[in-house]
N, C-alpha and C. Protein backbone atom coordinates (compact mmCIF):
# COMPACT_ATOMS: atom_id res chain seq x y z
N MET A 1 0.84 -1.18 0.00
CA MET A 1 0.00 0.00 0.00
C MET A 1 0.88 1.24 0.00
N ASP A 2 0.40 2.24 -0.67
CA ASP A 2 1.16 3.48 -0.66
C ASP A 2 0.69 4.37 0.49
N ILE A 3 1.44 5.41 0.77
CA ILE A 3 1.19 6.25 1.94
C ILE A 3 -0.12 7.01 1.81
N GLY A 4 -0.51 7.35 0.60
CA GLY A 4 -1.76 8.09 0.39
C GLY A 4 -2.98 7.27 0.81
N ALA A 5 -2.96 5.99 0.47
CA ALA A 5 -4.08 5.12 0.85
C ALA A 5 -4.13 4.91 2.35
N LEU A 6 -2.97 4.78 2.97
CA LEU A 6 -2.93 4.62 4.43
C LEU A 6 -3.44 5.87 5.14
N LEU A 7 -3.06 7.05 4.66
CA LEU A 7 -3.53 8.29 5.28
C LEU A 7 -5.02 8.47 5.09
N THR A 8 -5.53 8.07 3.93
CA THR A 8 -6.97 8.16 3.69
C THR A 8 -7.73 7.23 4.62
N THR A 9 -7.23 6.02 4.78
CA THR A 9 -7.87 5.06 5.70
C THR A 9 -7.81 5.57 7.14
N ALA A 10 -6.68 6.11 7.54
CA ALA A 10 -6.53 6.63 8.90
C ALA A 10 -7.46 7.81 9.13
N GLY A 11 -7.57 8.70 8.15
CA GLY A 11 -8.46 9.86 8.28
C GLY A 11 -9.92 9.46 8.37
N SER A 12 -10.34 8.50 7.56
CA SER A 12 -11.74 8.08 7.62
C SER A 12 -12.02 7.35 8.94
N LEU A 13 -11.07 6.58 9.44
CA LEU A 13 -11.25 5.90 10.72
C LEU A 13 -11.33 6.92 11.86
N MET A 14 -10.48 7.94 11.80
CA MET A 14 -10.51 8.98 12.82
C MET A 14 -11.83 9.75 12.78
N LEU A 15 -12.28 10.10 11.60
CA LEU A 15 -13.53 10.83 11.46
C LEU A 15 -14.71 10.00 11.94
N THR A 16 -14.72 8.71 11.62
CA THR A 16 -15.79 7.83 12.08
C THR A 16 -15.80 7.75 13.60
N GLY A 17 -14.66 7.62 14.22
CA GLY A 17 -14.57 7.55 15.68
C GLY A 17 -15.03 8.84 16.33
N MET A 18 -14.62 9.97 15.80
CA MET A 18 -15.01 11.25 16.38
C MET A 18 -16.51 11.48 16.25
N VAL A 19 -17.10 11.12 15.11
CA VAL A 19 -18.55 11.26 14.93
C VAL A 19 -19.28 10.33 15.89
N GLY A 20 -18.77 9.11 16.06
CA GLY A 20 -19.40 8.17 16.99
C GLY A 20 -19.39 8.67 18.41
N VAL A 21 -18.27 9.22 18.85
CA VAL A 21 -18.16 9.76 20.21
C VAL A 21 -19.08 10.96 20.37
N PHE A 22 -19.13 11.83 19.37
CA PHE A 22 -20.00 13.01 19.43
C PHE A 22 -21.46 12.60 19.54
N VAL A 23 -21.88 11.63 18.74
CA VAL A 23 -23.27 11.17 18.79
C VAL A 23 -23.57 10.54 20.15
N PHE A 24 -22.67 9.71 20.66
CA PHE A 24 -22.88 9.08 21.96
C PHE A 24 -23.00 10.11 23.07
N LEU A 25 -22.11 11.09 23.10
CA LEU A 25 -22.15 12.10 24.15
C LEU A 25 -23.40 12.98 24.02
N SER A 26 -23.83 13.26 22.80
CA SER A 26 -25.06 14.04 22.61
C SER A 26 -26.26 13.29 23.15
N ILE A 27 -26.35 11.99 22.87
CA ILE A 27 -27.44 11.17 23.39
C ILE A 27 -27.37 11.10 24.91
N LEU A 28 -26.18 10.96 25.47
CA LEU A 28 -26.01 10.90 26.92
C LEU A 28 -26.45 12.20 27.59
N ILE A 29 -26.07 13.34 27.03
CA ILE A 29 -26.47 14.62 27.59
C ILE A 29 -27.98 14.78 27.51
N GLY A 30 -28.58 14.40 26.39
CA GLY A 30 -30.03 14.48 26.26
C GLY A 30 -30.74 13.59 27.26
N ALA A 31 -30.25 12.38 27.47
CA ALA A 31 -30.88 11.46 28.41
C ALA A 31 -30.78 11.98 29.85
N VAL A 32 -29.62 12.51 30.22
CA VAL A 32 -29.45 13.03 31.58
C VAL A 32 -30.35 14.24 31.80
N THR A 33 -30.45 15.12 30.81
CA THR A 33 -31.32 16.29 30.92
C THR A 33 -32.78 15.86 31.04
N LEU A 34 -33.20 14.89 30.23
CA LEU A 34 -34.57 14.40 30.29
C LEU A 34 -34.88 13.77 31.65
N MET A 35 -33.97 12.95 32.16
CA MET A 35 -34.19 12.34 33.47
C MET A 35 -34.23 13.39 34.57
N SER A 36 -33.40 14.40 34.49
CA SER A 36 -33.41 15.46 35.49
C SER A 36 -34.74 16.20 35.48
N ASN A 37 -35.25 16.49 34.30
CA ASN A 37 -36.54 17.17 34.20
C ASN A 37 -37.66 16.29 34.75
N LEU A 38 -37.62 14.99 34.46
CA LEU A 38 -38.65 14.10 34.96
C LEU A 38 -38.61 13.98 36.48
N VAL A 39 -37.44 13.90 37.03
CA VAL A 39 -37.30 13.76 38.49
C VAL A 39 -37.79 15.03 39.18
N THR A 40 -37.43 16.19 38.68
CA THR A 40 -37.88 17.42 39.32
C THR A 40 -39.38 17.62 39.16
N ARG A 41 -39.96 17.13 38.09
CA ARG A 41 -41.39 17.29 37.87
C ARG A 41 -42.21 16.39 38.79
N PHE A 42 -41.78 15.14 38.97
CA PHE A 42 -42.58 14.16 39.68
C PHE A 42 -42.16 13.91 41.12
N SER A 43 -41.09 14.52 41.56
CA SER A 43 -40.66 14.29 42.95
C SER A 43 -41.41 15.24 43.87
N GLU A 44 -41.61 14.77 45.09
CA GLU A 44 -42.27 15.60 46.09
C GLU A 44 -41.23 16.52 46.72
N PRO A 45 -41.63 17.72 47.07
CA PRO A 45 -40.65 18.62 47.71
C PRO A 45 -40.24 18.08 49.07
N GLU A 46 -38.98 18.23 49.37
CA GLU A 46 -38.45 17.74 50.63
C GLU A 46 -38.85 18.69 51.75
N ALA A 47 -39.14 18.10 52.90
CA ALA A 47 -39.44 18.92 54.08
C ALA A 47 -38.14 19.53 54.57
N SER A 48 -38.19 20.79 54.92
CA SER A 48 -36.97 21.44 55.40
C SER A 48 -36.64 20.90 56.79
N PRO A 49 -35.39 20.59 57.03
CA PRO A 49 -35.02 20.05 58.34
C PRO A 49 -35.18 21.11 59.43
N ALA A 50 -35.51 20.62 60.60
CA ALA A 50 -35.65 21.54 61.73
C ALA A 50 -34.29 22.12 62.08
N LYS A 51 -34.27 23.38 62.35
CA LYS A 51 -33.00 24.03 62.66
C LYS A 51 -32.57 23.63 64.07
N SER A 52 -31.35 23.21 64.17
CA SER A 52 -30.82 22.86 65.48
C SER A 52 -30.29 24.14 66.13
N PRO A 53 -30.36 24.20 67.43
CA PRO A 53 -29.86 25.41 68.08
C PRO A 53 -28.36 25.53 67.88
N SER A 54 -27.94 26.72 67.60
CA SER A 54 -26.51 26.93 67.39
C SER A 54 -25.84 27.23 68.72
N PHE A 55 -24.71 26.60 68.93
CA PHE A 55 -23.96 26.80 70.15
C PHE A 55 -22.80 27.72 69.85
N LYS A 56 -22.61 28.70 70.67
CA LYS A 56 -21.49 29.60 70.48
C LYS A 56 -20.22 28.92 70.96
N SER A 57 -19.19 29.09 70.19
CA SER A 57 -17.93 28.47 70.53
C SER A 57 -17.32 29.17 71.74
N GLN A 58 -16.90 28.37 72.69
CA GLN A 58 -16.29 28.91 73.90
C GLN A 58 -14.77 28.88 73.81
N GLY A 59 -14.24 28.43 72.69
CA GLY A 59 -12.81 28.32 72.56
C GLY A 59 -12.33 26.94 72.99
N VAL A 60 -11.06 26.77 73.03
CA VAL A 60 -10.46 25.50 73.41
C VAL A 60 -10.41 25.42 74.93
N PRO A 61 -10.88 24.29 75.50
CA PRO A 61 -10.82 24.17 76.97
C PRO A 61 -9.38 24.22 77.48
N ASN A 62 -9.23 24.71 78.68
CA ASN A 62 -7.90 24.86 79.27
C ASN A 62 -7.19 23.52 79.44
N GLU A 63 -7.96 22.45 79.69
CA GLU A 63 -7.35 21.13 79.85
C GLU A 63 -6.67 20.69 78.55
N TYR A 64 -7.29 20.98 77.40
CA TYR A 64 -6.69 20.62 76.11
C TYR A 64 -5.40 21.39 75.88
N ILE A 65 -5.44 22.67 76.20
CA ILE A 65 -4.24 23.50 76.02
C ILE A 65 -3.10 22.98 76.89
N ALA A 66 -3.42 22.60 78.13
CA ALA A 66 -2.38 22.08 79.04
C ALA A 66 -1.83 20.77 78.51
N ALA A 67 -2.68 19.88 77.99
CA ALA A 67 -2.22 18.59 77.49
C ALA A 67 -1.36 18.77 76.25
N ILE A 68 -1.75 19.67 75.36
CA ILE A 68 -0.97 19.92 74.14
C ILE A 68 0.37 20.54 74.49
N SER A 69 0.38 21.48 75.45
CA SER A 69 1.64 22.12 75.86
C SER A 69 2.58 21.10 76.48
N ALA A 70 2.04 20.20 77.29
CA ALA A 70 2.88 19.16 77.90
C ALA A 70 3.44 18.22 76.84
N ALA A 71 2.63 17.86 75.83
CA ALA A 71 3.10 16.97 74.77
C ALA A 71 4.20 17.64 73.96
N ILE A 72 4.06 18.92 73.68
CA ILE A 72 5.09 19.64 72.92
C ILE A 72 6.38 19.73 73.74
N ALA A 73 6.27 20.03 75.01
CA ALA A 73 7.45 20.11 75.87
C ALA A 73 8.16 18.78 75.95
N GLN A 74 7.39 17.68 76.07
CA GLN A 74 8.00 16.35 76.13
C GLN A 74 8.69 16.01 74.81
N TYR A 75 8.06 16.36 73.68
CA TYR A 75 8.66 16.08 72.38
C TYR A 75 9.97 16.84 72.21
N LYS A 76 9.96 18.12 72.62
CA LYS A 76 11.18 18.92 72.49
C LYS A 76 12.29 18.40 73.40
N SER A 77 11.95 17.93 74.59
CA SER A 77 12.99 17.44 75.49
C SER A 77 13.56 16.10 75.01
N ASN A 78 12.75 15.27 74.34
CA ASN A 78 13.23 13.99 73.86
C ASN A 78 13.99 14.10 72.55
N ASN A 79 13.79 15.15 71.79
CA ASN A 79 14.41 15.29 70.47
C ASN A 79 15.38 16.45 70.38
N LYS A 80 16.22 16.61 71.38
CA LYS A 80 17.21 17.68 71.36
C LYS A 80 18.41 17.27 70.59
């Protein structure tokens, strides 16, 4: 085979593949859009969850700060 015939075959194969992928993705996008519209049309609205009381942050407890400080001091003394 000469190079011209090989390039023509490669080009037609590439074009066929690209058209196939484009058609598949177009069908996929259409199907997802259709399903989304159907779900939003026929689904019941969700009840809004009850709001939980918000707790104001009091900061880090002093016991945690003391434990972290002791751990850091111990690490520094062991790794001098």
